[in-house]
Amino acid sequence: MSDCTGRIVRAIAGRDKGGLFCVVGVDQGGERLLLADGKRRKLARPKAKNQSHVAALTEHVHGFNHPAIQKLKQGEALSDKELRRALAAFRDQLEV
């Protein structure tokens, strides 16, 4: 599995089905993605979700380059507020 930190995904299974999340890491086994949205799932306690239960969306919106996502990819500290704003900006681009 390549490094997928910073990708934006949509949950396609489970109780959070349809929700937008950002991949903030991979669990120790390397099998599950750690997801956060800054509201229900904070960065301090990300949701571990099987990779087959999410659909990658970043490829559908070309040129999405939010500063918060860049900070996450570089390993810098990120706040839940910044993550929420990045997901909101992504959601707005999806609707256009």
N, C-alpha and C. Protein backbone atom coordinates (compact mmCIF):
# COMPACT_ATOMS: atom_id res chain seq x y z
N MET A 1 0.85 -1.18 0.00
CA MET A 1 0.00 0.00 0.00
C MET A 1 0.89 1.24 0.00
N SER A 2 0.65 2.12 -0.92
CA SER A 2 1.44 3.34 -0.98
C SER A 2 0.97 4.31 0.10
N ASP A 3 1.73 5.36 0.30
CA ASP A 3 1.36 6.35 1.32
C ASP A 3 0.13 7.11 0.83
N CYS A 4 -0.95 6.96 1.53
CA CYS A 4 -2.21 7.59 1.12
C CYS A 4 -2.64 8.68 2.09
N THR A 5 -1.74 9.14 2.95
CA THR A 5 -2.06 10.21 3.88
C THR A 5 -2.42 11.47 3.10
N GLY A 6 -3.51 12.09 3.49
CA GLY A 6 -3.96 13.31 2.83
C GLY A 6 -5.01 13.09 1.77
N ARG A 7 -5.29 11.85 1.43
CA ARG A 7 -6.34 11.59 0.45
C ARG A 7 -7.70 11.80 1.09
N ILE A 8 -8.64 12.22 0.29
CA ILE A 8 -10.00 12.40 0.77
C ILE A 8 -10.83 11.24 0.22
N VAL A 9 -11.58 10.62 1.13
CA VAL A 9 -12.35 9.43 0.77
C VAL A 9 -13.79 9.58 1.26
N ARG A 10 -14.66 8.77 0.68
CA ARG A 10 -16.06 8.69 1.12
C ARG A 10 -16.29 7.28 1.65
N ALA A 11 -16.89 7.18 2.82
CA ALA A 11 -17.20 5.88 3.41
C ALA A 11 -18.35 5.26 2.61
N ILE A 12 -18.18 4.00 2.21
CA ILE A 12 -19.22 3.32 1.43
C ILE A 12 -19.84 2.18 2.22
N ALA A 13 -19.40 1.99 3.46
CA ALA A 13 -19.97 0.94 4.31
C ALA A 13 -19.90 1.38 5.76
N GLY A 14 -20.80 0.83 6.56
CA GLY A 14 -20.80 1.13 7.99
C GLY A 14 -21.76 2.24 8.35
N ARG A 15 -21.76 2.59 9.62
CA ARG A 15 -22.70 3.61 10.09
C ARG A 15 -22.36 5.01 9.59
N ASP A 16 -21.12 5.21 9.16
CA ASP A 16 -20.72 6.51 8.63
C ASP A 16 -20.77 6.54 7.11
N LYS A 17 -21.54 5.65 6.51
CA LYS A 17 -21.67 5.55 5.05
C LYS A 17 -22.08 6.89 4.45
N GLY A 18 -21.37 7.31 3.41
CA GLY A 18 -21.66 8.57 2.74
C GLY A 18 -20.87 9.75 3.27
N GLY A 19 -20.17 9.59 4.38
CA GLY A 19 -19.42 10.70 4.97
C GLY A 19 -18.07 10.92 4.30
N LEU A 20 -17.65 12.17 4.27
CA LEU A 20 -16.33 12.52 3.75
C LEU A 20 -15.31 12.50 4.88
N PHE A 21 -14.16 11.89 4.61
CA PHE A 21 -13.10 11.80 5.59
C PHE A 21 -11.77 12.05 4.91
N CYS A 22 -10.79 12.39 5.71
CA CYS A 22 -9.43 12.53 5.23
C CYS A 22 -8.60 11.41 5.86
N VAL A 23 -7.75 10.79 5.06
CA VAL A 23 -6.88 9.74 5.57
C VAL A 23 -5.73 10.42 6.31
N VAL A 24 -5.61 10.12 7.60
CA VAL A 24 -4.57 10.74 8.43
C VAL A 24 -3.45 9.76 8.75
N GLY A 25 -3.57 8.53 8.30
CA GLY A 25 -2.53 7.54 8.53
C GLY A 25 -3.01 6.14 8.24
N VAL A 26 -2.15 5.18 8.57
CA VAL A 26 -2.45 3.76 8.39
C VAL A 26 -2.15 3.08 9.71
N ASP A 27 -2.97 2.09 10.10
CA ASP A 27 -2.74 1.42 11.38
C ASP A 27 -1.45 0.61 11.34
N GLN A 28 -1.06 0.06 12.47
CA GLN A 28 0.23 -0.62 12.59
C GLN A 28 0.33 -1.82 11.67
N GLY A 29 -0.75 -2.53 11.46
CA GLY A 29 -0.72 -3.69 10.57
C GLY A 29 -0.67 -3.31 9.11
N GLY A 30 -1.00 -2.09 8.80
CA GLY A 30 -0.98 -1.62 7.41
C GLY A 30 -2.20 -2.03 6.62
N GLU A 31 -3.21 -2.59 7.30
CA GLU A 31 -4.40 -3.07 6.61
C GLU A 31 -5.53 -2.05 6.58
N ARG A 32 -5.61 -1.21 7.62
CA ARG A 32 -6.73 -0.29 7.74
C ARG A 32 -6.26 1.15 7.70
N LEU A 33 -7.12 2.01 7.16
CA LEU A 33 -6.84 3.43 7.08
C LEU A 33 -7.36 4.11 8.34
N LEU A 34 -6.68 5.15 8.78
CA LEU A 34 -7.12 5.97 9.90
C LEU A 34 -7.76 7.22 9.32
N LEU A 35 -9.05 7.40 9.60
CA LEU A 35 -9.82 8.48 9.00
C LEU A 35 -10.28 9.48 10.06
N ALA A 36 -10.32 10.75 9.67
CA ALA A 36 -10.82 11.81 10.55
C ALA A 36 -11.58 12.82 9.70
N ASP A 37 -12.58 13.47 10.33
CA ASP A 37 -13.29 14.54 9.64
C ASP A 37 -13.28 15.84 10.44
N GLY A 38 -12.70 15.81 11.64
CA GLY A 38 -12.59 17.02 12.45
C GLY A 38 -13.81 17.33 13.28
N LYS A 39 -14.92 16.62 13.08
CA LYS A 39 -16.12 16.88 13.85
C LYS A 39 -16.53 15.64 14.64
N ARG A 40 -17.04 14.64 13.94
CA ARG A 40 -17.41 13.39 14.64
C ARG A 40 -16.18 12.57 14.96
N ARG A 41 -15.22 12.57 14.09
CA ARG A 41 -13.96 11.85 14.30
C ARG A 41 -12.83 12.86 14.29
N LYS A 42 -12.33 13.14 15.49
CA LYS A 42 -11.26 14.12 15.65
C LYS A 42 -9.92 13.51 15.26
N LEU A 43 -8.95 14.36 15.05
CA LEU A 43 -7.60 13.90 14.71
C LEU A 43 -6.96 13.12 15.85
N ALA A 44 -7.37 13.41 17.08
CA ALA A 44 -6.81 12.71 18.24
C ALA A 44 -7.28 11.26 18.31
N ARG A 45 -8.48 10.97 17.78
CA ARG A 45 -9.02 9.61 17.79
C ARG A 45 -9.59 9.27 16.42
N PRO A 46 -8.74 9.00 15.43
CA PRO A 46 -9.25 8.69 14.09
C PRO A 46 -9.93 7.33 14.04
N LYS A 47 -10.79 7.16 13.07
CA LYS A 47 -11.53 5.92 12.86
C LYS A 47 -10.69 4.99 12.01
N ALA A 48 -10.50 3.76 12.45
CA ALA A 48 -9.81 2.76 11.65
C ALA A 48 -10.85 2.08 10.77
N LYS A 49 -10.62 2.11 9.47
CA LYS A 49 -11.60 1.56 8.53
C LYS A 49 -10.88 0.76 7.47
N ASN A 50 -11.48 -0.37 7.12
CA ASN A 50 -10.93 -1.23 6.09
C ASN A 50 -10.86 -0.46 4.76
N GLN A 51 -9.78 -0.66 4.03
CA GLN A 51 -9.59 0.09 2.79
C GLN A 51 -10.67 -0.22 1.76
N SER A 52 -11.24 -1.40 1.80
CA SER A 52 -12.28 -1.76 0.83
C SER A 52 -13.62 -1.11 1.17
N HIS A 53 -13.73 -0.47 2.34
CA HIS A 53 -14.97 0.17 2.74
C HIS A 53 -14.99 1.67 2.48
N VAL A 54 -14.01 2.15 1.72
CA VAL A 54 -13.97 3.57 1.35
C VAL A 54 -13.71 3.69 -0.14
N ALA A 55 -14.14 4.81 -0.70
CA ALA A 55 -13.89 5.13 -2.11
C ALA A 55 -13.07 6.40 -2.17
N ALA A 56 -11.95 6.36 -2.87
CA ALA A 56 -11.09 7.54 -3.01
C ALA A 56 -11.76 8.58 -3.89
N LEU A 57 -11.74 9.83 -3.45
CA LEU A 57 -12.38 10.91 -4.21
C LEU A 57 -11.38 11.93 -4.73
N THR A 58 -10.18 11.94 -4.21
CA THR A 58 -9.21 12.97 -4.58
C THR A 58 -8.91 12.94 -6.08
N GLU A 59 -8.96 11.76 -6.68
CA GLU A 59 -8.66 11.65 -8.11
C GLU A 59 -9.75 12.30 -8.97
N HIS A 60 -10.98 12.41 -8.43
CA HIS A 60 -12.09 12.97 -9.20
C HIS A 60 -12.03 14.49 -9.30
N VAL A 61 -11.38 15.14 -8.33
CA VAL A 61 -11.25 16.60 -8.34
C VAL A 61 -9.79 16.92 -8.58
N HIS A 62 -9.46 17.20 -9.83
CA HIS A 62 -8.08 17.48 -10.18
C HIS A 62 -7.69 18.88 -9.72
N GLY A 63 -6.51 19.00 -9.19
CA GLY A 63 -6.00 20.30 -8.77
C GLY A 63 -6.43 20.72 -7.38
N PHE A 64 -7.01 19.82 -6.60
CA PHE A 64 -7.38 20.19 -5.23
C PHE A 64 -6.10 20.19 -4.39
N ASN A 65 -5.72 21.37 -3.94
CA ASN A 65 -4.46 21.52 -3.22
C ASN A 65 -4.69 22.49 -2.06
N HIS A 66 -5.33 22.03 -1.02
CA HIS A 66 -5.62 22.86 0.14
C HIS A 66 -4.41 22.89 1.07
N PRO A 67 -4.09 24.04 1.68
CA PRO A 67 -2.93 24.13 2.58
C PRO A 67 -2.98 23.15 3.75
N ALA A 68 -4.18 22.87 4.28
CA ALA A 68 -4.29 21.93 5.40
C ALA A 68 -3.90 20.52 4.97
N ILE A 69 -4.29 20.13 3.77
CA ILE A 69 -3.93 18.80 3.26
C ILE A 69 -2.43 18.72 3.03
N GLN A 70 -1.83 19.80 2.56
CA GLN A 70 -0.38 19.83 2.37
C GLN A 70 0.35 19.69 3.70
N LYS A 71 -0.16 20.36 4.74
CA LYS A 71 0.44 20.24 6.07
C LYS A 71 0.39 18.80 6.56
N LEU A 72 -0.74 18.14 6.33
CA LEU A 72 -0.91 16.75 6.75
C LEU A 72 0.07 15.84 6.01
N LYS A 73 0.23 16.05 4.73
CA LYS A 73 1.15 15.24 3.93
C LYS A 73 2.60 15.42 4.37
N GLN A 74 2.94 16.63 4.85
CA GLN A 74 4.31 16.92 5.28
C GLN A 74 4.56 16.50 6.72
N GLY A 75 3.52 16.04 7.39
CA GLY A 75 3.67 15.58 8.77
C GLY A 75 3.60 16.67 9.81
N GLU A 76 3.14 17.85 9.43
CA GLU A 76 3.02 18.96 10.38
C GLU A 76 1.73 18.82 11.17
N ALA A 77 1.68 19.49 12.32
CA ALA A 77 0.49 19.45 13.17
C ALA A 77 -0.68 20.14 12.47
N LEU A 78 -1.85 19.58 12.63
CA LEU A 78 -3.05 20.08 11.99
C LEU A 78 -4.16 20.12 13.04
N SER A 79 -4.99 21.14 12.98
CA SER A 79 -6.10 21.21 13.94
C SER A 79 -7.37 20.65 13.29
N ASP A 80 -8.32 20.30 14.14
CA ASP A 80 -9.60 19.80 13.64
C ASP A 80 -10.31 20.87 12.81
N LYS A 81 -10.18 22.12 13.20
CA LYS A 81 -10.81 23.22 12.48
C LYS A 81 -10.25 23.33 11.07
N GLU A 82 -8.95 23.21 10.92
CA GLU A 82 -8.33 23.27 9.59
C GLU A 82 -8.81 22.11 8.72
N LEU A 83 -8.92 20.94 9.33
CA LEU A 83 -9.38 19.76 8.58
C LEU A 83 -10.82 19.94 8.13
N ARG A 84 -11.68 20.46 9.00
CA ARG A 84 -13.08 20.71 8.62
C ARG A 84 -13.16 21.69 7.47
N ARG A 85 -12.36 22.72 7.50
CA ARG A 85 -12.37 23.72 6.41
C ARG A 85 -11.88 23.12 5.10
N ALA A 86 -10.87 22.26 5.17
CA ALA A 86 -10.37 21.61 3.95
C ALA A 86 -11.44 20.69 3.36
N LEU A 87 -12.13 19.93 4.20
CA LEU A 87 -13.19 19.05 3.70
C LEU A 87 -14.36 19.85 3.14
N ALA A 88 -14.67 20.99 3.75
CA ALA A 88 -15.74 21.85 3.23
C ALA A 88 -15.38 22.41 1.86
N ALA A 89 -14.12 22.81 1.69
CA ALA A 89 -13.66 23.32 0.39
C ALA A 89 -13.72 22.21 -0.66
N PHE A 90 -13.35 21.00 -0.26
CA PHE A 90 -13.41 19.87 -1.18
C PHE A 90 -14.86 19.57 -1.57
N ARG A 91 -15.75 19.60 -0.59
CA ARG A 91 -17.18 19.35 -0.85
C ARG A 91 -17.73 20.38 -1.82
N ASP A 92 -17.30 21.65 -1.67
CA ASP A 92 -17.76 22.71 -2.59
C ASP A 92 -17.27 22.44 -4.00
N GLN A 93 -16.05 21.94 -4.17
CA GLN A 93 -15.54 21.63 -5.50
C GLN A 93 -16.27 20.45 -6.12
N LEU A 94 -16.69 19.51 -5.29
CA LEU A 94 -17.44 18.36 -5.82
C LEU A 94 -18.78 18.78 -6.39
N GLU A 95 -19.42 19.75 -5.76
CA GLU A 95 -20.75 20.20 -6.18
C GLU A 95 -20.71 21.04 -7.45
N VAL A 96 -19.57 21.60 -7.78
CA VAL A 96 -19.47 22.46 -8.98
C VAL A 96 -19.37 21.65 -10.21
